[in-house]
């Protein structure tokens, strides 16, 4: 029998520690009727309130700021998942494009129809430019070049996500891989140093996050509706007849949380789409 070194450097860990994780969730939650972009605004509004009202120790405040940053990034990822899900459910082209995607048997058995597309994205992390663009192509069949302002915004968001990696994997300290992606020359002195966020930093990261959501929302709204115009007979171009179908699309992207931009009501959006169709016809006849 092997001889055992008896000394304990700390107290014993328990052998029967477990968590009833099923009790950690709100099983009474019902999916809201807000648009994906409003879900983002509501989620981040709660984080901003926490940030503005913190009155705890300086050390604890910094750790809480790290958690708020994680929440901001999570709100962006949640927006992307939700807008893709709602388009798969309501847009025929997106539904057809996603129809060949693999789904686990467990998800097929347990997910309701309204949230089933979420299961398609289980293996996706939306913390990088590539993953976000790949998802838009894979699930929504978005083709062609993406606007430069969107790709630039994705680059900035990916930089913020490097901070997320520091918090999740290294308790806030900057590792060499993250420093390389952020720019080693500028961050060499930050290696193995912890994040030290303040409210101005959180405002910057929120602006980056919000800007990306706004750009994606506008881009998808335009791209998806332009695509419907190419389908013969999809619209009658009589607002009374098309109103229900157009409202379905419009409500996926419309925000009630943010102040309205002039001329962004439902009917004006429909009439502008009809004008777009007329311009296409004129171009084809030239």
Protein backbone atom coordinates (compact mmCIF):
# COMPACT_ATOMS: atom_id res chain seq x y z
CA UNK A 1 0.00 0.00 0.00
CA UNK A 2 1.37 3.41 -1.01
CA UNK A 3 2.35 5.77 1.77
CA UNK A 4 0.27 8.97 1.74
CA UNK A 5 1.53 12.41 2.64
CA UNK A 6 -0.96 13.42 5.32
CA UNK A 7 -0.51 17.17 5.48
CA UNK A 8 -3.40 19.32 4.17
CA UNK A 9 -2.57 22.77 2.90
CA UNK A 10 -6.22 23.87 3.01
CA UNK A 11 -9.51 22.51 4.32
CA UNK A 12 -11.10 19.51 2.67
CA UNK A 13 -13.31 19.97 -0.34
CA UNK A 14 -16.64 18.22 -0.18
CA UNK A 15 -17.24 15.14 -2.28
CA UNK A 16 -20.96 15.71 -2.66
CA UNK A 17 -21.23 19.31 -3.89
CA UNK A 18 -23.83 19.71 -6.62
CA UNK A 19 -26.13 22.36 -8.01
CA UNK A 20 -29.75 21.91 -8.93
CA UNK A 21 -29.21 24.08 -12.01
CA UNK A 22 -32.78 23.51 -13.18
CA UNK A 23 -33.85 25.83 -10.33
CA UNK A 24 -31.61 28.66 -11.63
CA UNK A 25 -33.96 29.46 -14.51
CA UNK A 26 -37.25 31.33 -14.74
CA UNK A 27 -39.51 28.57 -16.05
CA UNK A 28 -42.47 30.99 -16.13
CA UNK A 29 -40.73 33.22 -18.69
CA UNK A 30 -42.76 33.86 -21.85
CA UNK A 31 -41.08 35.08 -25.02
CA UNK A 32 -41.75 38.80 -25.40
CA UNK A 33 -43.37 40.42 -28.41
CA UNK A 34 -40.69 43.14 -28.67
CA UNK A 35 -38.62 43.43 -31.81
CA UNK A 36 -35.04 42.09 -31.50
CA UNK A 37 -33.61 45.60 -31.46
CA UNK A 38 -35.95 46.60 -28.62
CA UNK A 39 -34.84 43.54 -26.67
CA UNK A 40 -31.29 44.84 -27.04
CA UNK A 41 -32.27 48.32 -25.83
CA UNK A 42 -34.17 46.95 -22.84
CA UNK A 43 -31.36 44.58 -21.85
CA UNK A 44 -28.69 47.26 -22.03
CA UNK A 45 -30.89 49.84 -20.30
CA UNK A 46 -30.86 47.64 -17.19
CA UNK A 47 -27.07 47.43 -17.37
CA UNK A 48 -26.76 51.21 -17.72
CA UNK A 49 -28.94 51.72 -14.64
CA UNK A 50 -26.69 49.39 -12.63
CA UNK A 51 -23.59 51.20 -13.84
CA UNK A 52 -25.01 54.62 -12.94
CA UNK A 53 -26.17 53.67 -9.45
CA UNK A 54 -23.24 51.64 -8.11
CA UNK A 55 -22.37 52.68 -4.56
CA UNK A 56 -20.11 49.90 -3.37
CA UNK A 57 -16.40 49.54 -2.66
CA UNK A 58 -13.96 50.62 -5.42
CA UNK A 59 -12.55 47.10 -5.78
CA UNK A 60 -16.00 45.54 -6.09
CA UNK A 61 -17.10 48.28 -8.46
CA UNK A 62 -14.34 47.36 -10.92
CA UNK A 63 -15.37 43.71 -10.89
CA UNK A 64 -18.99 44.75 -11.38
CA UNK A 65 -17.97 46.90 -14.35
CA UNK A 66 -16.40 43.79 -15.88
CA UNK A 67 -19.74 42.01 -15.52
CA UNK A 68 -21.56 44.93 -17.14
CA UNK A 69 -19.20 44.70 -20.11
CA UNK A 70 -20.03 41.01 -20.41
CA UNK A 71 -23.71 41.93 -20.33
CA UNK A 72 -23.31 44.47 -23.14
CA UNK A 73 -21.67 41.90 -25.39
CA UNK A 74 -24.24 39.27 -24.44
CA UNK A 75 -27.03 41.70 -25.37
CA UNK A 76 -25.54 42.07 -28.86
CA UNK A 77 -25.24 38.31 -29.29
CA UNK A 78 -28.81 37.86 -28.07
CA UNK A 79 -30.04 40.45 -30.58
CA UNK A 80 -28.32 38.61 -33.44
CA UNK A 81 -29.82 35.28 -32.42
CA UNK A 82 -33.29 36.76 -32.05
CA UNK A 83 -33.36 38.62 -35.34
CA UNK A 84 -32.10 35.54 -37.21
CA UNK A 85 -34.68 33.36 -35.44
CA UNK A 86 -37.59 35.66 -36.30
CA UNK A 87 -36.51 35.92 -39.91
CA UNK A 88 -36.23 32.13 -40.24
CA UNK A 89 -39.79 31.84 -38.92
CA UNK A 90 -41.32 34.65 -40.99
CA UNK A 91 -39.22 35.03 -44.16
CA UNK A 92 -39.58 32.25 -46.72
CA UNK A 93 -36.10 32.65 -48.21
CA UNK A 94 -34.47 32.50 -44.79
CA UNK A 95 -36.59 29.50 -43.86
CA UNK A 96 -35.63 27.65 -47.04
CA UNK A 97 -31.95 28.50 -46.61
CA UNK A 98 -31.93 27.15 -43.05
CA UNK A 99 -33.98 24.06 -43.83
CA UNK A 100 -30.89 21.91 -44.47
CA UNK A 101 -29.10 22.97 -41.28
CA UNK A 102 -28.55 20.21 -38.75
CA UNK A 103 -30.68 20.08 -35.63
CA UNK A 104 -30.20 17.89 -32.57
CA UNK A 105 -32.89 15.31 -31.83
CA UNK A 106 -33.30 16.72 -28.31
CA UNK A 107 -33.98 20.20 -29.65
CA UNK A 108 -36.50 18.85 -32.15
CA UNK A 109 -38.36 17.12 -29.32
CA UNK A 110 -38.35 19.89 -26.76
CA UNK A 111 -38.24 23.28 -28.49
CA UNK A 112 -41.45 25.03 -29.46
CA UNK A 113 -41.87 26.09 -33.08
CA UNK A 114 -41.32 29.75 -32.16
CA UNK A 115 -37.87 29.21 -30.68
CA UNK A 116 -36.70 26.13 -32.60
CA UNK A 117 -34.39 28.15 -34.91
CA UNK A 118 -32.36 29.11 -31.83
CA UNK A 119 -31.18 25.49 -31.68
CA UNK A 120 -29.60 25.87 -35.11
CA UNK A 121 -27.24 28.47 -33.63
CA UNK A 122 -26.18 26.49 -30.56
CA UNK A 123 -22.64 26.03 -31.87
CA UNK A 124 -22.26 29.66 -32.92
CA UNK A 125 -20.44 32.30 -30.92
CA UNK A 126 -21.19 35.80 -32.12
CA UNK A 127 -18.06 37.33 -30.61
CA UNK A 128 -16.21 37.70 -33.90
CA UNK A 129 -16.70 39.44 -37.23
CA UNK A 130 -16.33 36.19 -39.17
CA UNK A 131 -18.90 34.27 -37.14
CA UNK A 132 -21.51 37.02 -37.41
CA UNK A 133 -21.10 37.40 -41.18
CA UNK A 134 -21.07 33.61 -41.64
CA UNK A 135 -24.35 33.33 -39.72
CA UNK A 136 -26.03 35.98 -41.87
CA UNK A 137 -24.94 34.11 -44.98
CA UNK A 138 -25.71 30.61 -43.68
CA UNK A 139 -29.12 31.20 -42.15
CA UNK A 140 -30.46 34.21 -44.06
CA UNK A 141 -28.75 33.71 -47.43
CA UNK A 142 -27.40 37.26 -47.43
CA UNK A 143 -25.19 37.46 -50.51
CA UNK A 144 -22.71 39.92 -51.95
CA UNK A 145 -20.49 42.43 -50.25
CA UNK A 146 -21.36 43.84 -46.86
CA UNK A 147 -21.34 47.64 -46.39
CA UNK A 148 -17.97 49.00 -45.26
CA UNK A 149 -19.54 50.76 -42.27
CA UNK A 150 -20.93 47.40 -41.09
CA UNK A 151 -17.64 45.53 -41.49
CA UNK A 152 -15.79 48.36 -39.72
CA UNK A 153 -18.29 48.19 -36.86
CA UNK A 154 -17.77 44.44 -36.64
CA UNK A 155 -14.01 44.95 -36.34
CA UNK A 156 -14.57 47.35 -33.41
CA UNK A 157 -17.00 44.96 -31.76
CA UNK A 158 -14.52 42.11 -32.11
CA UNK A 159 -11.96 44.26 -30.28
CA UNK A 160 -14.40 44.67 -27.40
CA UNK A 161 -14.91 40.91 -27.43
CA UNK A 162 -11.18 40.45 -26.77
CA UNK A 163 -11.82 42.17 -23.44
CA UNK A 164 -14.61 39.67 -22.86
CA UNK A 165 -12.14 36.83 -23.38
CA UNK A 166 -9.84 38.40 -20.77
CA UNK A 167 -12.67 38.53 -18.22
CA UNK A 168 -13.99 35.03 -18.89
CA UNK A 169 -10.72 33.13 -19.23
CA UNK A 170 -8.19 35.14 -17.19
CA UNK A 171 -10.26 37.05 -14.61
CA UNK A 172 -9.66 40.28 -16.47
CA UNK A 173 -5.95 40.01 -17.23
CA UNK A 174 -4.64 40.56 -20.75
CA UNK A 175 -3.05 37.49 -22.32
CA UNK A 176 -0.65 37.47 -25.25
CA UNK A 177 -3.19 36.19 -27.80
CA UNK A 178 -5.67 38.92 -26.89
CA UNK A 179 -2.87 41.53 -26.99
CA UNK A 180 -1.87 40.38 -30.48
CA UNK A 181 -5.44 40.79 -31.74
CA UNK A 182 -5.82 44.18 -30.07
CA UNK A 183 -2.42 45.39 -31.33
CA UNK A 184 0.72 44.29 -29.52
CA UNK A 185 2.60 47.57 -29.92
CA UNK A 186 -0.12 49.52 -28.12
CA UNK A 187 -0.84 46.81 -25.55
CA UNK A 188 2.61 45.41 -24.72
CA UNK A 189 2.68 47.29 -21.42
CA UNK A 190 -0.75 45.84 -20.57
CA UNK A 191 0.30 42.16 -20.71
CA UNK A 192 -0.79 40.28 -17.59
CA UNK A 193 -2.38 43.46 -16.24
CA UNK A 194 -6.05 43.41 -15.17
CA UNK A 195 -8.82 45.45 -16.73
CA UNK A 196 -9.58 48.62 -14.82
CA UNK A 197 -12.85 49.84 -16.30
CA UNK A 198 -14.70 53.00 -15.35
CA UNK A 199 -18.01 54.48 -16.48
CA UNK A 200 -16.40 56.26 -19.46
CA UNK A 201 -15.02 52.93 -20.69
CA UNK A 202 -18.45 51.33 -20.37
CA UNK A 203 -19.96 54.20 -22.33
CA UNK A 204 -17.43 53.58 -25.11
CA UNK A 205 -18.15 49.86 -25.22
CA UNK A 206 -21.89 50.52 -25.18
CA UNK A 207 -21.57 52.94 -28.12
CA UNK A 208 -19.64 50.29 -30.06
CA UNK A 209 -22.28 47.66 -29.23
CA UNK A 210 -25.27 49.87 -30.00
CA UNK A 211 -23.71 51.10 -33.24
CA UNK A 212 -23.26 47.52 -34.45
CA UNK A 213 -26.86 46.58 -33.61
CA UNK A 214 -28.21 49.67 -35.38
CA UNK A 215 -26.15 48.94 -38.50
CA UNK A 216 -27.11 45.26 -38.62
CA UNK A 217 -30.77 46.09 -38.06
CA UNK A 218 -30.90 48.64 -40.86
CA UNK A 219 -28.84 46.45 -43.18
CA UNK A 220 -31.03 43.38 -42.70
CA UNK A 221 -34.24 45.41 -43.00
CA UNK A 222 -33.09 46.80 -46.33
CA UNK A 223 -31.58 43.55 -47.64
CA UNK A 224 -34.50 41.31 -46.77
CA UNK A 225 -37.15 43.67 -48.13
CA UNK A 226 -35.18 44.32 -51.31
CA UNK A 227 -35.04 40.57 -51.78
CA UNK A 228 -38.81 40.19 -51.47
CA UNK A 229 -39.26 42.68 -54.32
CA UNK A 230 -37.41 40.30 -56.64
CA UNK A 231 -40.01 37.57 -56.05
CA UNK A 232 -42.80 37.71 -58.63
CA UNK A 233 -46.20 38.20 -57.02
CA UNK A 234 -44.83 38.53 -53.49
CA UNK A 235 -46.39 42.00 -53.15
CA UNK A 236 -49.58 43.20 -54.80
CA UNK A 237 -48.46 46.83 -54.30
CA UNK A 238 -51.88 47.58 -52.82
CA UNK A 239 -51.19 48.64 -49.21
CA UNK A 240 -54.54 47.37 -47.96
CA UNK A 241 -53.83 43.90 -49.31
CA UNK A 242 -50.15 43.83 -48.34
CA UNK A 243 -50.46 45.48 -44.94
CA UNK A 244 -50.57 42.30 -42.85
CA UNK A 245 -47.58 40.71 -44.55
CA UNK A 246 -45.56 43.94 -44.57
CA UNK A 247 -46.34 44.53 -40.88
CA UNK A 248 -44.84 41.12 -40.07
CA UNK A 249 -41.54 42.16 -41.65
CA UNK A 250 -41.64 45.71 -40.33
CA UNK A 251 -42.22 44.65 -36.73
CA UNK A 252 -39.13 42.45 -36.73
CA UNK A 253 -36.98 45.55 -37.13
CA UNK A 254 -39.04 48.45 -35.78
CA UNK A 255 -38.02 49.94 -32.42
CA UNK A 256 -40.53 51.31 -29.96
CA UNK A 257 -37.84 52.01 -27.36
CA UNK A 258 -35.92 54.59 -29.35
CA UNK A 259 -37.38 57.86 -30.67
CA UNK A 260 -38.79 57.54 -34.16
CA UNK A 261 -36.80 58.84 -37.09
CA UNK A 262 -38.98 61.12 -39.26
CA UNK A 263 -40.85 59.29 -42.00
CA UNK A 264 -40.29 55.81 -40.57
CA UNK A 265 -43.91 54.79 -40.05
CA UNK A 266 -45.26 51.57 -41.50
CA UNK A 267 -47.09 53.00 -44.50
CA UNK A 268 -44.22 55.29 -45.50
CA UNK A 269 -41.84 52.34 -45.37
CA UNK A 270 -44.21 50.37 -47.61
CA UNK A 271 -44.58 53.25 -50.09
CA UNK A 272 -40.81 53.67 -50.22
CA UNK A 273 -40.49 49.98 -51.06
CA UNK A 274 -43.03 50.45 -53.84
CA UNK A 275 -40.95 53.36 -55.17
CA UNK A 276 -37.88 51.14 -55.06
CA UNK A 277 -39.74 48.60 -57.20
CA UNK A 278 -40.66 51.33 -59.72
CA UNK A 279 -37.02 52.42 -59.94
CA UNK A 280 -35.98 48.83 -60.65
CA UNK A 281 -38.52 48.58 -63.46
CA UNK A 282 -37.28 51.86 -64.98
CA UNK A 283 -33.70 50.64 -64.84
CA UNK A 284 -34.59 47.36 -66.56
CA UNK A 285 -36.31 49.25 -69.40
CA UNK A 286 -33.34 51.49 -70.16
